[in-house]
């Protein structure tokens, strides 16, 4: 398996490219749902650009050494959102689609939990891997060789608060 390393500036450029691709499709949506943790940053930025409400669905499917071992999928009990109801035209976002299982199961989960509210749902990711069982509606990079993507925030998964404090000593003020 190959590796793809992404810097913060590249990451933000890719998110902005995704925003433009969605805009160029002329699709009007009134809600974004992001999958946490990977889709949080993407969802937050798109929510700000499009000025639509953001809902968060916490999911987990990776663990083990450096969070690179795929396991069973766990869903939160409910969405976290600040609106009374979910929008009718939903953009579901995540950072990437790897196997596609999480995205596919999330669509089923949303239909079962909120299908009454949703008229249309589309999916958007930064990276679409060839090994995925589902093709997202919007994506920036198609990756035929299925690399492991090293995102810029992964460094925080490998450090403790004590290590961070040692690297950035703060002077105490009175």
C-alpha atoms as a PDB file:
ATOM      1  CA  UNK A   1       0.000   0.000   0.000  1.00  0.00           C
ATOM      2  CA  UNK A   2       1.273   3.438  -0.878  1.00  0.00           C
ATOM      3  CA  UNK A   3       1.037   6.552   1.266  1.00  0.00           C
ATOM      4  CA  UNK A   4      -0.280  10.009   0.429  1.00  0.00           C
ATOM      5  CA  UNK A   5       0.804  12.854   2.714  1.00  0.00           C
ATOM      6  CA  UNK A   6      -1.355  15.988   2.815  1.00  0.00           C
ATOM      7  CA  UNK A   7      -0.229  19.342   4.277  1.00  0.00           C
ATOM      8  CA  UNK A   8      -2.573  21.854   5.901  1.00  0.00           C
ATOM      9  CA  UNK A   9      -2.441  24.141   2.847  1.00  0.00           C
ATOM     10  CA  UNK A  10      -3.189  21.215   0.510  1.00  0.00           C
ATOM     11  CA  UNK A  11      -6.018  20.105   2.787  1.00  0.00           C
ATOM     12  CA  UNK A  12      -7.701  23.517   2.709  1.00  0.00           C
ATOM     13  CA  UNK A  13      -7.241  23.779  -1.062  1.00  0.00           C
ATOM     14  CA  UNK A  14      -8.909  20.368  -1.537  1.00  0.00           C
ATOM     15  CA  UNK A  15     -11.858  21.372   0.666  1.00  0.00           C
ATOM     16  CA  UNK A  16     -12.280  24.575  -1.339  1.00  0.00           C
ATOM     17  CA  UNK A  17     -12.140  22.589  -4.593  1.00  0.00           C
ATOM     18  CA  UNK A  18     -14.915  20.351  -3.257  1.00  0.00           C
ATOM     19  CA  UNK A  19     -16.987  23.437  -2.421  1.00  0.00           C
ATOM     20  CA  UNK A  20     -16.574  24.698  -5.988  1.00  0.00           C
ATOM     21  CA  UNK A  21     -17.538  21.324  -7.501  1.00  0.00           C
ATOM     22  CA  UNK A  22     -20.710  21.254  -5.432  1.00  0.00           C
ATOM     23  CA  UNK A  23     -21.488  24.848  -6.418  1.00  0.00           C
ATOM     24  CA  UNK A  24     -20.954  24.113 -10.112  1.00  0.00           C
ATOM     25  CA  UNK A  25     -23.523  21.308  -9.930  1.00  0.00           C
ATOM     26  CA  UNK A  26     -26.209  23.941  -9.138  1.00  0.00           C
ATOM     27  CA  UNK A  27     -27.730  21.626  -6.524  1.00  0.00           C
ATOM     28  CA  UNK A  28     -29.543  23.458  -3.741  1.00  0.00           C
ATOM     29  CA  UNK A  29     -29.271  21.847  -0.327  1.00  0.00           C
ATOM     30  CA  UNK A  30     -30.431  23.128   3.032  1.00  0.00           C
ATOM     31  CA  UNK A  31     -28.537  20.896   5.464  1.00  0.00           C
ATOM     32  CA  UNK A  32     -25.062  19.436   5.829  1.00  0.00           C
ATOM     33  CA  UNK A  33     -24.408  16.322   7.859  1.00  0.00           C
ATOM     34  CA  UNK A  34     -20.790  15.502   8.527  1.00  0.00           C
ATOM     35  CA  UNK A  35     -19.407  12.217   9.758  1.00  0.00           C
ATOM     36  CA  UNK A  36     -17.166  12.677  12.764  1.00  0.00           C
ATOM     37  CA  UNK A  37     -14.322  12.611  13.199  1.00  0.00           C
ATOM     38  CA  UNK A  38     -12.880  12.789   9.693  1.00  0.00           C
ATOM     39  CA  UNK A  39     -15.676  14.822   8.145  1.00  0.00           C
ATOM     40  CA  UNK A  40     -15.878  17.446  10.910  1.00  0.00           C
ATOM     41  CA  UNK A  41     -13.465  19.901   9.326  1.00  0.00           C
ATOM     42  CA  UNK A  42     -14.949  19.412   5.866  1.00  0.00           C
ATOM     43  CA  UNK A  43     -18.504  19.868   7.155  1.00  0.00           C
ATOM     44  CA  UNK A  44     -17.584  22.933   9.201  1.00  0.00           C
ATOM     45  CA  UNK A  45     -15.922  24.702   6.283  1.00  0.00           C
ATOM     46  CA  UNK A  46     -18.711  23.847   3.806  1.00  0.00           C
ATOM     47  CA  UNK A  47     -21.343  24.946   6.327  1.00  0.00           C
ATOM     48  CA  UNK A  48     -19.611  28.324   6.627  1.00  0.00           C
ATOM     49  CA  UNK A  49     -19.212  28.750   2.853  1.00  0.00           C
ATOM     50  CA  UNK A  50     -22.809  27.769   2.035  1.00  0.00           C
ATOM     51  CA  UNK A  51     -24.351  29.258   5.202  1.00  0.00           C
ATOM     52  CA  UNK A  52     -26.507  26.193   5.922  1.00  0.00           C
ATOM     53  CA  UNK A  53     -26.983  24.329   9.209  1.00  0.00           C
ATOM     54  CA  UNK A  54     -24.491  21.646  10.157  1.00  0.00           C
ATOM     55  CA  UNK A  55     -25.470  18.411  11.864  1.00  0.00           C
ATOM     56  CA  UNK A  56     -22.938  15.903  13.141  1.00  0.00           C
ATOM     57  CA  UNK A  57     -23.147  12.126  13.203  1.00  0.00           C
ATOM     58  CA  UNK A  58     -20.373  10.505  15.201  1.00  0.00           C
ATOM     59  CA  UNK A  59     -19.175   7.240  13.702  1.00  0.00           C
ATOM     60  CA  UNK A  60     -16.196   5.044  14.364  1.00  0.00           C
ATOM     61  CA  UNK A  61     -14.742   2.265  12.280  1.00  0.00           C
ATOM     62  CA  UNK A  62     -10.964   2.535  12.699  1.00  0.00           C
ATOM     63  CA  UNK A  63      -8.774   1.802  15.694  1.00  0.00           C
ATOM     64  CA  UNK A  64      -5.597  -0.056  16.553  1.00  0.00           C
ATOM     65  CA  UNK A  65      -2.101   1.165  15.787  1.00  0.00           C
ATOM     66  CA  UNK A  66      -2.245   4.735  14.444  1.00  0.00           C
ATOM     67  CA  UNK A  67      -6.007   4.246  13.827  1.00  0.00           C
ATOM     68  CA  UNK A  68      -5.255   2.211  10.698  1.00  0.00           C
ATOM     69  CA  UNK A  69      -7.148  -0.981  11.562  1.00  0.00           C
ATOM     70  CA  UNK A  70     -10.672  -1.187  10.154  1.00  0.00           C
ATOM     71  CA  UNK A  71     -13.171  -2.675  12.578  1.00  0.00           C
ATOM     72  CA  UNK A  72     -16.928  -2.748  12.986  1.00  0.00           C
ATOM     73  CA  UNK A  73     -18.868   0.464  12.514  1.00  0.00           C
ATOM     74  CA  UNK A  74     -20.356   2.217  15.517  1.00  0.00           C
ATOM     75  CA  UNK A  75     -22.952   4.978  15.163  1.00  0.00           C
ATOM     76  CA  UNK A  76     -23.947   7.594  17.709  1.00  0.00           C
ATOM     77  CA  UNK A  77     -27.460   7.280  19.053  1.00  0.00           C
ATOM     78  CA  UNK A  78     -28.591  10.426  17.242  1.00  0.00           C
ATOM     79  CA  UNK A  79     -27.524  13.432  15.219  1.00  0.00           C
ATOM     80  CA  UNK A  80     -26.249  16.534  16.970  1.00  0.00           C
ATOM     81  CA  UNK A  81     -27.862  19.598  15.442  1.00  0.00           C
ATOM     82  CA  UNK A  82     -29.056  23.056  16.407  1.00  0.00           C
ATOM     83  CA  UNK A  83     -32.177  23.144  14.243  1.00  0.00           C
ATOM     84  CA  UNK A  84     -35.556  21.745  15.271  1.00  0.00           C
ATOM     85  CA  UNK A  85     -35.745  19.504  12.209  1.00  0.00           C
ATOM     86  CA  UNK A  86     -33.361  18.127   9.660  1.00  0.00           C
ATOM     87  CA  UNK A  87     -33.330  19.804   6.260  1.00  0.00           C
ATOM     88  CA  UNK A  88     -35.025  18.175   3.280  1.00  0.00           C
ATOM     89  CA  UNK A  89     -32.029  18.320   0.919  1.00  0.00           C
ATOM     90  CA  UNK A  90     -29.000  16.946   2.721  1.00  0.00           C
ATOM     91  CA  UNK A  91     -25.353  16.993   1.764  1.00  0.00           C
ATOM     92  CA  UNK A  92     -23.617  14.155   3.626  1.00  0.00           C
ATOM     93  CA  UNK A  93     -19.867  14.824   3.911  1.00  0.00           C
ATOM     94  CA  UNK A  94     -16.834  12.904   5.060  1.00  0.00           C
ATOM     95  CA  UNK A  95     -13.134  13.268   4.443  1.00  0.00           C
ATOM     96  CA  UNK A  96     -12.818  10.136   2.320  1.00  0.00           C
ATOM     97  CA  UNK A  97     -14.503   6.992   1.131  1.00  0.00           C
ATOM     98  CA  UNK A  98     -12.242   4.007   1.663  1.00  0.00           C
ATOM     99  CA  UNK A  99     -14.142   0.718   1.634  1.00  0.00           C
ATOM    100  CA  UNK A 100     -17.409   2.651   1.305  1.00  0.00           C
ATOM    101  CA  UNK A 101     -19.068   0.629   4.044  1.00  0.00           C
ATOM    102  CA  UNK A 102     -19.406   3.570   6.462  1.00  0.00           C
ATOM    103  CA  UNK A 103     -20.924   5.852   3.834  1.00  0.00           C
ATOM    104  CA  UNK A 104     -23.317   3.171   2.607  1.00  0.00           C
ATOM    105  CA  UNK A 105     -24.445   2.228   6.121  1.00  0.00           C
ATOM    106  CA  UNK A 106     -24.829   5.890   7.048  1.00  0.00           C
ATOM    107  CA  UNK A 107     -27.250   6.385   4.158  1.00  0.00           C
ATOM    108  CA  UNK A 108     -29.289   3.454   5.476  1.00  0.00           C
ATOM    109  CA  UNK A 109     -29.115   4.806   9.052  1.00  0.00           C
ATOM    110  CA  UNK A 110     -30.279   8.252   7.928  1.00  0.00           C
ATOM    111  CA  UNK A 111     -33.160   6.764   5.951  1.00  0.00           C
ATOM    112  CA  UNK A 112     -34.318   4.750   8.964  1.00  0.00           C
ATOM    113  CA  UNK A 113     -33.913   7.578  11.471  1.00  0.00           C
ATOM    114  CA  UNK A 114     -34.792  10.669   9.412  1.00  0.00           C
ATOM    115  CA  UNK A 115     -36.252   9.447   6.121  1.00  0.00           C
ATOM    116  CA  UNK A 116     -39.479  11.299   6.861  1.00  0.00           C
ATOM    117  CA  UNK A 117     -37.614  14.637   6.644  1.00  0.00           C
ATOM    118  CA  UNK A 118     -35.238  13.891   3.760  1.00  0.00           C
ATOM    119  CA  UNK A 119     -36.363  14.362   0.152  1.00  0.00           C
ATOM    120  CA  UNK A 120     -32.884  14.054  -1.339  1.00  0.00           C
ATOM    121  CA  UNK A 121     -29.421  13.249  -0.068  1.00  0.00           C
ATOM    122  CA  UNK A 122     -26.111  13.526  -1.869  1.00  0.00           C
ATOM    123  CA  UNK A 123     -22.635  12.586  -0.725  1.00  0.00           C
ATOM    124  CA  UNK A 124     -19.373  14.513  -0.865  1.00  0.00           C
ATOM    125  CA  UNK A 125     -15.818  13.542   0.082  1.00  0.00           C
ATOM    126  CA  UNK A 126     -12.331  14.830  -0.540  1.00  0.00           C
ATOM    127  CA  UNK A 127     -10.863  11.489  -1.603  1.00  0.00           C
ATOM    128  CA  UNK A 128     -12.603   8.609  -3.382  1.00  0.00           C
ATOM    129  CA  UNK A 129     -10.628   5.362  -3.352  1.00  0.00           C
ATOM    130  CA  UNK A 130     -11.030   2.774  -6.083  1.00  0.00           C
ATOM    131  CA  UNK A 131     -11.721   0.014  -3.541  1.00  0.00           C
ATOM    132  CA  UNK A 132     -14.946   1.722  -2.396  1.00  0.00           C
ATOM    133  CA  UNK A 133     -18.251  -0.099  -2.882  1.00  0.00           C
ATOM    134  CA  UNK A 134     -20.024   3.248  -3.322  1.00  0.00           C
ATOM    135  CA  UNK A 135     -19.242   6.231  -5.543  1.00  0.00           C
ATOM    136  CA  UNK A 136     -19.848   9.610  -3.882  1.00  0.00           C
ATOM    137  CA  UNK A 137     -21.819  12.247  -5.768  1.00  0.00           C
ATOM    138  CA  UNK A 138     -19.020  14.780  -5.302  1.00  0.00           C
ATOM    139  CA  UNK A 139     -15.312  14.211  -4.750  1.00  0.00           C
ATOM    140  CA  UNK A 140     -12.039  15.959  -5.510  1.00  0.00           C
ATOM    141  CA  UNK A 141      -9.469  13.218  -6.020  1.00  0.00           C
ATOM    142  CA  UNK A 142     -10.085   9.715  -7.352  1.00  0.00           C
ATOM    143  CA  UNK A 143      -7.343   7.411  -6.062  1.00  0.00           C
ATOM    144  CA  UNK A 144      -6.955   4.282  -8.227  1.00  0.00           C
ATOM    145  CA  UNK A 145      -4.122   2.832  -6.103  1.00  0.00           C
ATOM    146  CA  UNK A 146      -5.962   3.140  -2.737  1.00  0.00           C
ATOM    147  CA  UNK A 147      -3.156   4.838  -0.753  1.00  0.00           C
ATOM    148  CA  UNK A 148      -3.263   5.386   2.979  1.00  0.00           C
ATOM    149  CA  UNK A 149      -3.941   9.117   3.344  1.00  0.00           C
ATOM    150  CA  UNK A 150      -1.979  10.925   6.052  1.00  0.00           C
ATOM    151  CA  UNK A 151      -3.925  14.061   6.901  1.00  0.00           C
ATOM    152  CA  UNK A 152      -2.289  17.024   8.658  1.00  0.00           C
ATOM    153  CA  UNK A 153      -4.232  16.624  11.901  1.00  0.00           C
ATOM    154  CA  UNK A 154      -3.058  13.023  12.452  1.00  0.00           C
ATOM    155  CA  UNK A 155      -0.074  14.302  14.441  1.00  0.00           C
ATOM    156  CA  UNK A 156      -2.481  15.124  17.269  1.00  0.00           C
ATOM    157  CA  UNK A 157      -3.494  11.462  17.508  1.00  0.00           C
ATOM    158  CA  UNK A 158       0.087  10.560  18.349  1.00  0.00           C
ATOM    159  CA  UNK A 159       0.752  13.097  21.120  1.00  0.00           C
ATOM    160  CA  UNK A 160      -0.387  13.592  24.653  1.00  0.00           C
ATOM    161  CA  UNK A 161      -1.275  16.890  26.329  1.00  0.00           C
ATOM    162  CA  UNK A 162       1.954  16.551  28.361  1.00  0.00           C
ATOM    163  CA  UNK A 163       4.026  16.233  25.179  1.00  0.00           C
ATOM    164  CA  UNK A 164       2.301  19.248  23.673  1.00  0.00           C
ATOM    165  CA  UNK A 165       2.877  21.299  26.842  1.00  0.00           C
ATOM    166  CA  UNK A 166       6.560  20.339  26.853  1.00  0.00           C
ATOM    167  CA  UNK A 167       6.902  21.452  23.233  1.00  0.00           C
ATOM    168  CA  UNK A 168       5.079  24.750  23.884  1.00  0.00           C
ATOM    169  CA  UNK A 169       5.886  25.988  27.378  1.00  0.00           C
ATOM    170  CA  UNK A 170       3.725  28.906  28.426  1.00  0.00           C
ATOM    171  CA  UNK A 171       4.836  31.474  30.922  1.00  0.00           C
ATOM    172  CA  UNK A 172       2.506  31.746  33.860  1.00  0.00           C
ATOM    173  CA  UNK A 173       1.171  35.187  34.550  1.00  0.00           C
ATOM    174  CA  UNK A 174       0.117  36.445  37.964  1.00  0.00           C
END
